[in-house]
Amino acid sequence: MVRFKNRYLLLELSLASGAEAGHVLQTLTPKRLLAAVKDAVEGLHGDYGLACVLHSISVKYLNVLTQVALLRCPRAHHRAVWAAMATITNIQKVPCAIRVHHVGGMGWFCNHDVTP
């Protein structure tokens, strides 16, 4: 039996202020964030990079009020996903920046960094 080893990236979403950003915060879902991450990985690393991370990348937690997300990706390619985070400049045509706060081997370690 083979176990897939993952890394969890704790992300901070910094959206531009304004009415459009408020609308995006209301409509931002884990599925849309994941689509933006996949597009960034494919744009930076091509089809091979996307294929390497596609089987286990997922958004495990997203809070639009605190603008925090938890992303799971494969351990062998977590640096490729991390590098792709820097290339995301907009989500749904609203300027934004994504910052990686913590990288952990288990999701609950990252949850300790989210809670005060």
Protein backbone atom coordinates (compact mmCIF):
# COMPACT_ATOMS: atom_id res chain seq x y z
CA MET A 1 0.00 0.00 0.00
CA VAL A 2 1.36 3.38 -1.01
CA ARG A 3 0.70 6.56 0.91
CA PHE A 4 0.65 9.89 -0.89
CA LYS A 5 2.74 12.40 1.00
CA ASN A 6 1.38 15.91 0.90
CA ARG A 7 2.30 19.41 1.96
CA TYR A 8 -0.16 22.00 3.18
CA LEU A 9 0.35 25.64 2.26
CA LEU A 10 -1.25 28.29 4.43
CA LEU A 11 -2.10 31.21 2.14
CA GLU A 12 -3.06 34.83 2.75
CA LEU A 13 -5.13 36.42 -0.01
CA SER A 14 -4.64 40.17 -0.41
CA LEU A 15 -7.30 41.59 -2.69
CA ALA A 16 -7.44 45.16 -3.91
CA SER A 17 -9.90 47.31 -2.02
CA GLY A 18 -13.06 48.63 -3.61
CA ALA A 19 -16.53 47.53 -4.60
CA GLU A 20 -15.24 44.95 -7.08
CA ALA A 21 -13.09 43.29 -4.41
CA GLY A 22 -16.08 43.07 -2.06
CA HIS A 23 -18.07 41.34 -4.78
CA VAL A 24 -15.21 38.92 -5.46
CA LEU A 25 -14.94 38.08 -1.76
CA GLN A 26 -18.62 37.16 -1.74
CA THR A 27 -18.29 34.95 -4.82
CA LEU A 28 -14.84 33.45 -4.14
CA THR A 29 -15.17 29.70 -3.68
CA PRO A 30 -12.57 26.97 -3.20
CA LYS A 31 -13.26 25.82 -6.76
CA ARG A 32 -12.45 29.25 -8.23
CA LEU A 33 -9.31 29.61 -6.13
CA LEU A 34 -8.17 26.15 -7.22
CA ALA A 35 -8.76 27.08 -10.86
CA ALA A 36 -6.57 30.17 -10.45
CA VAL A 37 -3.80 28.07 -8.85
CA LYS A 38 -3.98 25.44 -11.60
CA ASP A 39 -3.78 28.13 -14.28
CA ALA A 40 -0.74 29.65 -12.56
CA VAL A 41 1.03 26.27 -12.31
CA GLU A 42 0.33 25.55 -15.96
CA GLY A 43 1.48 29.01 -17.02
CA LEU A 44 4.76 28.73 -15.11
CA HIS A 45 5.63 25.03 -15.47
CA GLY A 46 3.61 23.94 -18.51
CA ASP A 47 1.63 20.74 -19.01
CA TYR A 48 4.20 18.61 -17.21
CA GLY A 49 4.08 20.76 -14.08
CA LEU A 50 0.29 20.73 -14.06
CA ALA A 51 0.20 16.96 -14.51
CA CYS A 52 2.59 16.48 -11.57
CA VAL A 53 0.36 18.37 -9.13
CA LEU A 54 -3.08 17.71 -10.58
CA HIS A 55 -3.72 14.37 -8.87
CA SER A 56 -3.64 15.69 -5.31
CA ILE A 57 -4.00 19.47 -5.32
CA SER A 58 -7.06 20.76 -3.46
CA VAL A 59 -8.28 23.64 -1.34
CA LYS A 60 -9.00 22.26 2.12
CA TYR A 61 -10.05 25.50 3.81
CA LEU A 62 -11.07 28.95 2.61
CA ASN A 63 -12.32 31.81 4.77
CA VAL A 64 -13.24 34.87 2.74
CA LEU A 65 -13.68 37.07 5.83
CA THR A 66 -10.14 36.59 7.09
CA GLN A 67 -8.81 35.98 3.55
CA VAL A 68 -6.99 32.79 4.57
CA ALA A 69 -6.83 29.52 2.64
CA LEU A 70 -5.25 26.10 3.15
CA LEU A 71 -4.04 24.34 0.01
CA ARG A 72 -2.95 20.68 -0.20
CA CYS A 73 -0.38 19.67 -2.83
CA PRO A 74 2.05 16.77 -3.38
CA ARG A 75 5.24 16.89 -1.32
CA ALA A 76 7.51 16.27 -4.28
CA HIS A 77 6.18 19.31 -6.15
CA HIS A 78 5.15 21.75 -3.43
CA ARG A 79 7.88 24.19 -4.42
CA ALA A 80 6.46 24.36 -7.95
CA VAL A 81 3.05 25.26 -6.51
CA TRP A 82 4.68 27.76 -4.15
CA ALA A 83 6.50 29.42 -7.04
CA ALA A 84 3.27 29.61 -9.02
CA MET A 85 1.60 31.51 -6.14
CA ALA A 86 3.85 34.47 -6.88
CA THR A 87 2.60 34.68 -10.46
CA ILE A 88 -1.08 35.04 -9.54
CA THR A 89 -1.87 38.71 -10.04
CA ASN A 90 -5.66 38.60 -10.29
CA ILE A 91 -8.60 36.42 -9.37
CA GLN A 92 -11.78 37.00 -11.38
CA LYS A 93 -10.26 40.15 -12.92
CA VAL A 94 -9.59 41.78 -9.53
CA PRO A 95 -5.94 42.54 -8.65
CA CYS A 96 -4.65 40.40 -5.80
CA ALA A 97 -1.54 38.90 -4.27
CA ILE A 98 -1.15 35.54 -2.56
CA ARG A 99 1.40 35.10 0.21
CA VAL A 100 2.47 31.75 1.66
CA HIS A 101 2.66 31.99 5.46
CA HIS A 102 3.48 28.43 6.39
CA VAL A 103 4.26 25.08 4.78
CA GLY A 104 3.50 22.00 6.84
CA GLY A 105 3.29 18.24 6.54
CA MET A 106 -0.06 17.97 8.30
CA GLY A 107 -3.11 20.16 7.89
CA TRP A 108 -3.77 20.57 11.58
CA PHE A 109 -0.34 22.13 12.13
CA CYS A 110 -1.33 24.84 9.70
CA ASN A 111 -4.66 25.26 11.48
CA HIS A 112 -2.78 26.17 14.66
CA ASP A 113 -1.23 29.09 12.78
CA VAL A 114 -4.66 30.32 11.68
CA THR A 115 -6.33 30.32 15.08
CA PRO A 116 -5.17 32.92 17.62
